[in-house]
Amino acid sequence: MQYRKIHIIGAPGSGKTFCSIKLQELIKLKAHDLDQIFWQQNKNVYLRSNEESRTEKLNQVLSQERWIIEGVYYKWLADAFCDADLIVFLNPPVLLRQWRIFKRFLKRKFILGQFRKESLASFIEMYWWNQKFDDDNMLRILDFTAKHKSKIIFCKNYNELLSKINS
């Protein structure tokens, strides 16, 4: 594997974080979750970071020689898509993604307990956003990244990703 900069994008519950952590262990690239850049670190509510802070944090990551970044975002990531050696689109079936979102909600709300910002309303909002993601957001992301199609691969899961990057 010759990749030094990998950008993983996909719908909620697609396995972006799982894949980035597994790849981090396998190929020794530091993984960065774009949620940590986009959102302020507040346990009580979801607050977007301001554009200046977000840009500064993103540029710190992009200035590194080796990285994996993962997230659902795209509009403010033109430089990340340009810099990436590989862009991975994760797109497992919608029902699997919905199940993962539900499990994550339950785990955060009732097992971990420190996610007070997780509410039934936020779960329902995420569920419905994910339901229409493939026919809405994914099409816009594909259009936004069209000029990078030579370095894009599509995968449904980590095993398929590994197979494609090892071939």
N, C-alpha and C. Protein backbone atom coordinates (compact mmCIF):
# COMPACT_ATOMS: atom_id res chain seq x y z
N MET A 1 0.83 -1.18 0.00
CA MET A 1 0.00 0.00 0.00
C MET A 1 0.88 1.24 0.00
N GLN A 2 0.78 2.02 -1.03
CA GLN A 2 1.61 3.20 -1.17
C GLN A 2 0.90 4.49 -0.78
N TYR A 3 -0.29 4.41 -0.25
CA TYR A 3 -1.07 5.60 0.04
C TYR A 3 -0.55 6.31 1.28
N ARG A 4 -0.43 7.63 1.16
CA ARG A 4 0.01 8.45 2.28
C ARG A 4 -1.12 9.33 2.82
N LYS A 5 -2.12 9.59 1.95
CA LYS A 5 -3.23 10.47 2.34
C LYS A 5 -4.52 9.87 1.80
N ILE A 6 -5.37 9.46 2.73
CA ILE A 6 -6.62 8.79 2.37
C ILE A 6 -7.80 9.58 2.93
N HIS A 7 -8.76 9.85 2.07
CA HIS A 7 -9.99 10.55 2.47
C HIS A 7 -11.14 9.56 2.35
N ILE A 8 -11.81 9.28 3.46
CA ILE A 8 -12.94 8.35 3.48
C ILE A 8 -14.21 9.17 3.69
N ILE A 9 -15.18 8.96 2.81
CA ILE A 9 -16.45 9.69 2.89
C ILE A 9 -17.59 8.71 2.70
N GLY A 10 -18.71 9.00 3.31
CA GLY A 10 -19.88 8.15 3.17
C GLY A 10 -21.00 8.64 4.08
N ALA A 11 -22.12 8.00 3.94
CA ALA A 11 -23.32 8.35 4.72
C ALA A 11 -23.11 8.04 6.20
N PRO A 12 -23.98 8.58 7.05
CA PRO A 12 -23.94 8.18 8.46
C PRO A 12 -24.11 6.67 8.58
N GLY A 13 -23.34 6.04 9.45
CA GLY A 13 -23.45 4.61 9.67
C GLY A 13 -22.82 3.76 8.58
N SER A 14 -22.04 4.37 7.69
CA SER A 14 -21.44 3.61 6.59
C SER A 14 -20.17 2.86 6.99
N GLY A 15 -19.60 3.19 8.14
CA GLY A 15 -18.39 2.52 8.59
C GLY A 15 -17.12 3.34 8.41
N LYS A 16 -17.26 4.63 8.24
CA LYS A 16 -16.10 5.49 8.01
C LYS A 16 -15.10 5.43 9.17
N THR A 17 -15.60 5.59 10.38
CA THR A 17 -14.72 5.59 11.55
C THR A 17 -14.09 4.21 11.73
N PHE A 18 -14.88 3.17 11.60
CA PHE A 18 -14.35 1.80 11.72
C PHE A 18 -13.22 1.58 10.71
N CYS A 19 -13.46 1.94 9.46
CA CYS A 19 -12.44 1.73 8.41
C CYS A 19 -11.18 2.56 8.68
N SER A 20 -11.36 3.81 9.11
CA SER A 20 -10.19 4.65 9.35
C SER A 20 -9.35 4.12 10.51
N ILE A 21 -9.99 3.63 11.54
CA ILE A 21 -9.26 3.07 12.69
C ILE A 21 -8.51 1.80 12.28
N LYS A 22 -9.19 0.93 11.53
CA LYS A 22 -8.53 -0.31 11.07
C LYS A 22 -7.36 0.00 10.14
N LEU A 23 -7.53 0.95 9.22
CA LEU A 23 -6.44 1.33 8.32
C LEU A 23 -5.30 1.98 9.09
N GLN A 24 -5.65 2.78 10.09
CA GLN A 24 -4.62 3.41 10.92
C GLN A 24 -3.72 2.36 11.54
N GLU A 25 -4.32 1.30 12.06
CA GLU A 25 -3.55 0.22 12.67
C GLU A 25 -2.72 -0.53 11.62
N LEU A 26 -3.29 -0.72 10.45
CA LEU A 26 -2.66 -1.53 9.41
C LEU A 26 -1.51 -0.81 8.71
N ILE A 27 -1.73 0.43 8.31
CA ILE A 27 -0.72 1.12 7.50
C ILE A 27 -0.08 2.32 8.20
N LYS A 28 -0.35 2.46 9.47
CA LYS A 28 0.32 3.46 10.30
C LYS A 28 0.14 4.90 9.80
N LEU A 29 -1.06 5.21 9.36
CA LEU A 29 -1.43 6.59 9.06
C LEU A 29 -2.32 7.07 10.20
N LYS A 30 -2.15 8.29 10.64
CA LYS A 30 -2.98 8.81 11.73
C LYS A 30 -4.36 9.16 11.19
N ALA A 31 -5.39 8.64 11.84
CA ALA A 31 -6.76 8.88 11.44
C ALA A 31 -7.32 10.12 12.15
N HIS A 32 -8.08 10.91 11.41
CA HIS A 32 -8.71 12.12 11.93
C HIS A 32 -10.19 12.09 11.58
N ASP A 33 -11.03 12.25 12.59
CA ASP A 33 -12.48 12.28 12.42
C ASP A 33 -12.90 13.73 12.17
N LEU A 34 -13.51 13.99 11.02
CA LEU A 34 -13.90 15.36 10.69
C LEU A 34 -14.97 15.91 11.62
N ASP A 35 -15.70 15.05 12.32
CA ASP A 35 -16.65 15.53 13.33
C ASP A 35 -15.91 16.33 14.41
N GLN A 36 -14.68 15.92 14.72
CA GLN A 36 -13.90 16.61 15.74
C GLN A 36 -13.47 18.00 15.29
N ILE A 37 -13.47 18.22 13.98
CA ILE A 37 -13.13 19.53 13.42
C ILE A 37 -14.39 20.37 13.22
N PHE A 38 -15.45 19.75 12.73
CA PHE A 38 -16.67 20.46 12.39
C PHE A 38 -17.46 20.92 13.61
N TRP A 39 -17.50 20.08 14.64
CA TRP A 39 -18.30 20.38 15.82
C TRP A 39 -17.42 20.83 16.98
N GLN A 40 -17.91 21.78 17.76
CA GLN A 40 -17.23 22.15 19.00
C GLN A 40 -17.37 20.98 19.96
N GLN A 41 -16.39 20.79 20.78
CA GLN A 41 -16.40 19.66 21.71
C GLN A 41 -17.21 20.02 22.95
N ASN A 42 -18.51 19.85 22.85
CA ASN A 42 -19.43 20.17 23.92
C ASN A 42 -20.32 18.96 24.15
N LYS A 43 -20.37 18.47 25.36
CA LYS A 43 -21.13 17.24 25.64
C LYS A 43 -22.64 17.47 25.72
N ASN A 44 -23.07 18.72 25.81
CA ASN A 44 -24.48 18.98 26.05
C ASN A 44 -25.28 19.27 24.78
N VAL A 45 -24.66 19.93 23.81
CA VAL A 45 -25.37 20.30 22.58
C VAL A 45 -24.42 20.20 21.39
N TYR A 46 -25.01 20.11 20.22
CA TYR A 46 -24.23 20.16 18.99
C TYR A 46 -24.08 21.62 18.57
N LEU A 47 -22.85 22.12 18.52
CA LEU A 47 -22.56 23.46 18.06
C LEU A 47 -21.48 23.38 16.98
N ARG A 48 -21.75 24.00 15.85
CA ARG A 48 -20.75 24.01 14.78
C ARG A 48 -19.58 24.88 15.17
N SER A 49 -18.39 24.45 14.81
CA SER A 49 -17.21 25.31 14.97
C SER A 49 -17.33 26.44 13.96
N ASN A 50 -16.77 27.59 14.30
CA ASN A 50 -16.80 28.67 13.32
C ASN A 50 -15.85 28.35 12.17
N GLU A 51 -16.06 28.99 11.04
CA GLU A 51 -15.30 28.66 9.83
C GLU A 51 -13.80 28.84 10.03
N GLU A 52 -13.40 29.87 10.73
CA GLU A 52 -11.98 30.13 10.96
C GLU A 52 -11.33 29.00 11.76
N SER A 53 -11.98 28.58 12.84
CA SER A 53 -11.46 27.50 13.67
C SER A 53 -11.41 26.19 12.87
N ARG A 54 -12.48 25.92 12.14
CA ARG A 54 -12.55 24.70 11.34
C ARG A 54 -11.45 24.67 10.29
N THR A 55 -11.23 25.78 9.60
CA THR A 55 -10.19 25.86 8.58
C THR A 55 -8.81 25.66 9.19
N GLU A 56 -8.57 26.28 10.33
CA GLU A 56 -7.28 26.14 11.01
C GLU A 56 -7.01 24.68 11.39
N LYS A 57 -8.01 24.02 11.98
CA LYS A 57 -7.84 22.62 12.38
C LYS A 57 -7.63 21.72 11.17
N LEU A 58 -8.40 21.96 10.11
CA LEU A 58 -8.24 21.15 8.90
C LEU A 58 -6.86 21.35 8.29
N ASN A 59 -6.40 22.58 8.22
CA ASN A 59 -5.08 22.84 7.65
C ASN A 59 -3.96 22.20 8.45
N GLN A 60 -4.14 22.09 9.77
CA GLN A 60 -3.15 21.40 10.60
C GLN A 60 -3.05 19.93 10.18
N VAL A 61 -4.18 19.31 9.91
CA VAL A 61 -4.18 17.91 9.47
C VAL A 61 -3.58 17.80 8.08
N LEU A 62 -4.03 18.64 7.16
CA LEU A 62 -3.57 18.55 5.77
C LEU A 62 -2.09 18.86 5.62
N SER A 63 -1.51 19.59 6.56
CA SER A 63 -0.09 19.93 6.48
C SER A 63 0.81 18.74 6.83
N GLN A 64 0.22 17.70 7.41
CA GLN A 64 0.99 16.51 7.74
C GLN A 64 1.30 15.71 6.47
N GLU A 65 2.39 14.98 6.48
CA GLU A 65 2.78 14.20 5.31
C GLU A 65 1.92 12.97 5.10
N ARG A 66 1.30 12.49 6.16
CA ARG A 66 0.52 11.25 6.08
C ARG A 66 -0.72 11.41 6.95
N TRP A 67 -1.88 11.03 6.41
CA TRP A 67 -3.11 11.11 7.18
C TRP A 67 -4.22 10.28 6.55
N ILE A 68 -5.20 10.01 7.39
CA ILE A 68 -6.50 9.51 6.96
C ILE A 68 -7.50 10.49 7.55
N ILE A 69 -8.40 11.00 6.73
CA ILE A 69 -9.50 11.78 7.28
C ILE A 69 -10.80 11.10 6.88
N GLU A 70 -11.76 11.19 7.77
CA GLU A 70 -13.05 10.55 7.47
C GLU A 70 -14.18 11.41 7.99
N GLY A 71 -15.24 11.44 7.17
CA GLY A 71 -16.43 12.16 7.56
C GLY A 71 -17.42 12.22 6.42
N VAL A 72 -18.56 12.79 6.72
CA VAL A 72 -19.65 12.89 5.77
C VAL A 72 -19.59 14.22 5.00
N TYR A 73 -18.74 15.12 5.41
CA TYR A 73 -18.69 16.48 4.89
C TYR A 73 -17.97 16.55 3.55
N TYR A 74 -18.26 17.61 2.79
CA TYR A 74 -17.56 17.76 1.52
C TYR A 74 -17.37 19.22 1.11
N LYS A 75 -18.32 20.11 1.35
CA LYS A 75 -18.29 21.46 0.78
C LYS A 75 -17.04 22.24 1.17
N TRP A 76 -16.54 22.06 2.37
CA TRP A 76 -15.39 22.82 2.84
C TRP A 76 -14.09 22.00 2.76
N LEU A 77 -14.12 20.91 2.00
CA LEU A 77 -12.98 20.00 1.97
C LEU A 77 -12.31 19.88 0.60
N ALA A 78 -12.44 20.89 -0.24
CA ALA A 78 -11.84 20.84 -1.58
C ALA A 78 -10.34 20.53 -1.50
N ASP A 79 -9.64 21.18 -0.58
CA ASP A 79 -8.20 20.94 -0.44
C ASP A 79 -7.90 19.50 -0.03
N ALA A 80 -8.73 18.94 0.83
CA ALA A 80 -8.53 17.56 1.28
C ALA A 80 -8.70 16.59 0.12
N PHE A 81 -9.71 16.80 -0.71
CA PHE A 81 -9.90 15.93 -1.86
C PHE A 81 -8.73 16.08 -2.84
N CYS A 82 -8.24 17.29 -3.02
CA CYS A 82 -7.09 17.52 -3.91
C CYS A 82 -5.84 16.82 -3.38
N ASP A 83 -5.59 16.94 -2.09
CA ASP A 83 -4.37 16.39 -1.50
C ASP A 83 -4.38 14.88 -1.36
N ALA A 84 -5.55 14.28 -1.29
CA ALA A 84 -5.65 12.84 -1.04
C ALA A 84 -5.06 12.04 -2.20
N ASP A 85 -4.37 10.96 -1.84
CA ASP A 85 -3.90 9.98 -2.83
C ASP A 85 -5.04 9.05 -3.22
N LEU A 86 -5.97 8.85 -2.28
CA LEU A 86 -7.07 7.93 -2.47
C LEU A 86 -8.31 8.52 -1.79
N ILE A 87 -9.44 8.46 -2.51
CA ILE A 87 -10.72 8.88 -1.95
C ILE A 87 -11.61 7.64 -1.94
N VAL A 88 -12.07 7.28 -0.76
CA VAL A 88 -12.88 6.08 -0.58
C VAL A 88 -14.32 6.50 -0.30
N PHE A 89 -15.24 6.06 -1.16
CA PHE A 89 -16.67 6.25 -0.92
C PHE A 89 -17.20 4.96 -0.32
N LEU A 90 -17.63 5.04 0.94
CA LEU A 90 -18.26 3.89 1.59
C LEU A 90 -19.76 4.00 1.42
N ASN A 91 -20.37 2.94 0.94
CA ASN A 91 -21.81 2.99 0.71
C ASN A 91 -22.46 1.62 0.89
N PRO A 92 -22.54 1.14 2.13
CA PRO A 92 -23.27 -0.10 2.38
C PRO A 92 -24.78 0.14 2.24
N PRO A 93 -25.57 -0.90 2.24
CA PRO A 93 -27.02 -0.74 2.10
C PRO A 93 -27.62 0.15 3.19
N VAL A 94 -28.67 0.87 2.82
CA VAL A 94 -29.32 1.82 3.73
C VAL A 94 -29.78 1.14 5.01
N LEU A 95 -30.38 -0.04 4.92
CA LEU A 95 -30.87 -0.70 6.13
C LEU A 95 -29.76 -1.03 7.12
N LEU A 96 -28.60 -1.41 6.62
CA LEU A 96 -27.45 -1.66 7.49
C LEU A 96 -27.01 -0.35 8.16
N ARG A 97 -26.96 0.72 7.40
CA ARG A 97 -26.60 2.02 7.97
C ARG A 97 -27.60 2.44 9.03
N GLN A 98 -28.89 2.23 8.77
CA GLN A 98 -29.91 2.61 9.75
C GLN A 98 -29.74 1.81 11.05
N TRP A 99 -29.45 0.53 10.92
CA TRP A 99 -29.23 -0.32 12.10
C TRP A 99 -28.04 0.20 12.91
N ARG A 100 -26.96 0.56 12.20
CA ARG A 100 -25.77 1.06 12.89
C ARG A 100 -26.06 2.39 13.61
N ILE A 101 -26.82 3.26 12.97
CA ILE A 101 -27.18 4.54 13.60
C ILE A 101 -27.99 4.29 14.86
N PHE A 102 -28.93 3.35 14.79
CA PHE A 102 -29.75 3.02 15.95
C PHE A 102 -28.89 2.45 17.09
N LYS A 103 -27.99 1.52 16.76
CA LYS A 103 -27.10 0.94 17.79
C LYS A 103 -26.21 2.02 18.40
N ARG A 104 -25.68 2.91 17.57
CA ARG A 104 -24.82 3.98 18.08
C ARG A 104 -25.60 4.89 19.03
N PHE A 105 -26.83 5.22 18.66
CA PHE A 105 -27.67 6.06 19.52
C PHE A 105 -27.88 5.39 20.88
N LEU A 106 -28.27 4.11 20.86
CA LEU A 106 -28.50 3.39 22.11
C LEU A 106 -27.24 3.33 22.96
N LYS A 107 -26.12 3.04 22.34
CA LYS A 107 -24.85 2.94 23.07
C LYS A 107 -24.49 4.27 23.70
N ARG A 108 -24.58 5.34 22.93
CA ARG A 108 -24.22 6.65 23.46
C ARG A 108 -25.18 7.11 24.56
N LYS A 109 -26.43 6.87 24.34
CA LYS A 109 -27.45 7.38 25.27
C LYS A 109 -27.52 6.58 26.56
N PHE A 110 -27.44 5.25 26.46
CA PHE A 110 -27.74 4.43 27.62
C PHE A 110 -26.55 3.67 28.19
N ILE A 111 -25.50 3.48 27.41
CA ILE A 111 -24.34 2.75 27.92
C ILE A 111 -23.22 3.70 28.28
N LEU A 112 -22.82 4.55 27.33
CA LEU A 112 -21.73 5.48 27.61
C LEU A 112 -22.18 6.60 28.54
N GLY A 113 -23.39 7.09 28.32
CA GLY A 113 -23.98 8.06 29.23
C GLY A 113 -23.45 9.47 29.15
N GLN A 114 -22.28 9.68 28.56
CA GLN A 114 -21.73 11.04 28.55
C GLN A 114 -22.24 11.86 27.38
N PHE A 115 -23.10 11.31 26.56
CA PHE A 115 -23.61 12.02 25.39
C PHE A 115 -24.99 12.59 25.68
N ARG A 116 -25.05 13.60 26.52
CA ARG A 116 -26.34 14.20 26.87
C ARG A 116 -26.99 14.85 25.65
N LYS A 117 -26.17 15.25 24.67
CA LYS A 117 -26.73 15.90 23.49
C LYS A 117 -27.49 14.93 22.60
N GLU A 118 -27.31 13.64 22.79
CA GLU A 118 -28.06 12.65 22.01
C GLU A 118 -29.49 12.63 22.51
N SER A 119 -30.41 12.83 21.60
CA SER A 119 -31.83 12.82 21.97
C SER A 119 -32.58 11.97 20.95
N LEU A 120 -33.79 11.62 21.31
CA LEU A 120 -34.63 10.88 20.36
C LEU A 120 -34.84 11.73 19.11
N ALA A 121 -35.00 13.02 19.28
CA ALA A 121 -35.20 13.92 18.13
C ALA A 121 -33.97 13.92 17.22
N SER A 122 -32.76 13.96 17.81
CA SER A 122 -31.55 13.95 16.98
C SER A 122 -31.38 12.61 16.27
N PHE A 123 -31.76 11.53 16.94
CA PHE A 123 -31.71 10.21 16.29
C PHE A 123 -32.67 10.16 15.10
N ILE A 124 -33.89 10.63 15.29
CA ILE A 124 -34.89 10.60 14.21
C ILE A 124 -34.44 11.47 13.04
N GLU A 125 -33.89 12.64 13.35
CA GLU A 125 -33.37 13.52 12.29
C GLU A 125 -32.28 12.82 11.49
N MET A 126 -31.34 12.17 12.18
CA MET A 126 -30.24 11.45 11.51
C MET A 126 -30.79 10.28 10.69
N TYR A 127 -31.76 9.58 11.24
CA TYR A 127 -32.37 8.44 10.55
C TYR A 127 -32.96 8.87 9.21
N TRP A 128 -33.76 9.95 9.22
CA TRP A 128 -34.41 10.40 7.98
C TRP A 128 -33.42 11.02 7.02
N TRP A 129 -32.42 11.72 7.52
CA TRP A 129 -31.38 12.29 6.65
C TRP A 129 -30.64 11.15 5.94
N ASN A 130 -30.30 10.11 6.69
CA ASN A 130 -29.61 8.96 6.11
C ASN A 130 -30.49 8.25 5.07
N GLN A 131 -31.78 8.19 5.34
CA GLN A 131 -32.71 7.52 4.43
C GLN A 131 -32.65 8.11 3.02
N LYS A 132 -32.48 9.43 2.92
CA LYS A 132 -32.48 10.08 1.61
C LYS A 132 -31.06 10.41 1.12
N PHE A 133 -30.05 10.02 1.87
CA PHE A 133 -28.68 10.41 1.57
C PHE A 133 -28.23 10.01 0.17
N ASP A 134 -28.49 8.76 -0.23
CA ASP A 134 -28.00 8.26 -1.53
C ASP A 134 -28.57 9.03 -2.71
N ASP A 135 -29.82 9.46 -2.60
CA ASP A 135 -30.48 10.16 -3.70
C ASP A 135 -30.33 11.68 -3.64
N ASP A 136 -29.65 12.16 -2.61
CA ASP A 136 -29.51 13.59 -2.44
C ASP A 136 -28.04 13.96 -2.21
N ASN A 137 -27.57 13.81 -0.98
CA ASN A 137 -26.21 14.22 -0.63
C ASN A 137 -25.14 13.49 -1.44
N MET A 138 -25.30 12.19 -1.62
CA MET A 138 -24.28 11.43 -2.33
C MET A 138 -24.13 11.93 -3.76
N LEU A 139 -25.21 12.29 -4.40
CA LEU A 139 -25.13 12.82 -5.77
C LEU A 139 -24.38 14.14 -5.80
N ARG A 140 -24.63 14.99 -4.81
CA ARG A 140 -23.91 16.27 -4.74
C ARG A 140 -22.42 16.06 -4.43
N ILE A 141 -22.12 15.09 -3.58
CA ILE A 141 -20.71 14.79 -3.26
C ILE A 141 -20.00 14.25 -4.50
N LEU A 142 -20.65 13.37 -5.22
CA LEU A 142 -20.05 12.83 -6.45
C LEU A 142 -19.79 13.94 -7.47
N ASP A 143 -20.71 14.87 -7.59
CA ASP A 143 -20.52 16.00 -8.49
C ASP A 143 -19.35 16.87 -8.02
N PHE A 144 -19.29 17.13 -6.72
CA PHE A 144 -18.24 17.97 -6.14
C PHE A 144 -16.85 17.35 -6.34
N THR A 145 -16.77 16.03 -6.31
CA THR A 145 -15.47 15.34 -6.41
C THR A 145 -15.19 14.79 -7.81
N ALA A 146 -16.01 15.11 -8.78
CA ALA A 146 -15.89 14.53 -10.13
C ALA A 146 -14.50 14.71 -10.74
N LYS A 147 -13.85 15.82 -10.48
CA LYS A 147 -12.53 16.04 -11.08
C LYS A 147 -11.45 15.14 -10.48
N HIS A 148 -11.79 14.41 -9.42
CA HIS A 148 -10.83 13.51 -8.77
C HIS A 148 -11.16 12.04 -9.03
N LYS A 149 -11.99 11.75 -10.04
CA LYS A 149 -12.50 10.40 -10.23
C LYS A 149 -11.40 9.36 -10.44
N SER A 150 -10.22 9.77 -10.86
CA SER A 150 -9.13 8.80 -11.06
C SER A 150 -8.60 8.22 -9.75
N LYS A 151 -8.88 8.89 -8.65
CA LYS A 151 -8.39 8.38 -7.36
C LYS A 151 -9.53 7.98 -6.43
N ILE A 152 -10.72 7.78 -6.97
CA ILE A 152 -11.89 7.39 -6.18
C ILE A 152 -12.14 5.89 -6.33
N ILE A 153 -12.43 5.25 -5.18
CA ILE A 153 -12.90 3.87 -5.20
C ILE A 153 -14.20 3.80 -4.40
N PHE A 154 -15.06 2.87 -4.76
CA PHE A 154 -16.33 2.67 -4.08
C PHE A 154 -16.31 1.32 -3.38
N CYS A 155 -16.70 1.32 -2.11
CA CYS A 155 -16.68 0.09 -1.32
C CYS A 155 -17.92 0.02 -0.44
N LYS A 156 -18.33 -1.19 -0.16
CA LYS A 156 -19.47 -1.39 0.74
C LYS A 156 -19.03 -1.68 2.17
N ASN A 157 -17.76 -2.12 2.35
CA ASN A 157 -17.29 -2.48 3.69
C ASN A 157 -15.77 -2.49 3.75
N TYR A 158 -15.24 -2.71 4.94
CA TYR A 158 -13.79 -2.70 5.15
C TYR A 158 -13.08 -3.78 4.34
N ASN A 159 -13.64 -4.98 4.29
CA ASN A 159 -12.99 -6.06 3.54
C ASN A 159 -12.87 -5.72 2.06
N GLU A 160 -13.90 -5.14 1.50
CA GLU A 160 -13.84 -4.73 0.10
C GLU A 160 -12.81 -3.62 -0.09
N LEU A 161 -12.73 -2.71 0.85
CA LEU A 161 -11.72 -1.65 0.81
C LEU A 161 -10.32 -2.25 0.82
N LEU A 162 -10.07 -3.16 1.74
CA LEU A 162 -8.76 -3.80 1.80
C LEU A 162 -8.42 -4.51 0.49
N SER A 163 -9.36 -5.23 -0.03
CA SER A 163 -9.17 -5.95 -1.28
C SER A 163 -8.78 -4.99 -2.41
N LYS A 164 -9.45 -3.87 -2.49
CA LYS A 164 -9.18 -2.90 -3.57
C LYS A 164 -7.84 -2.20 -3.40
N ILE A 165 -7.45 -1.87 -2.18
CA ILE A 165 -6.18 -1.14 -2.02
C ILE A 165 -4.98 -2.10 -2.06
N ASN A 166 -5.23 -3.38 -1.87
CA ASN A 166 -4.13 -4.35 -1.95
C ASN A 166 -3.93 -4.90 -3.36
N SER A 167 -4.85 -4.62 -4.28
CA SER A 167 -4.71 -5.18 -5.62
C SER A 167 -3.89 -4.31 -6.53
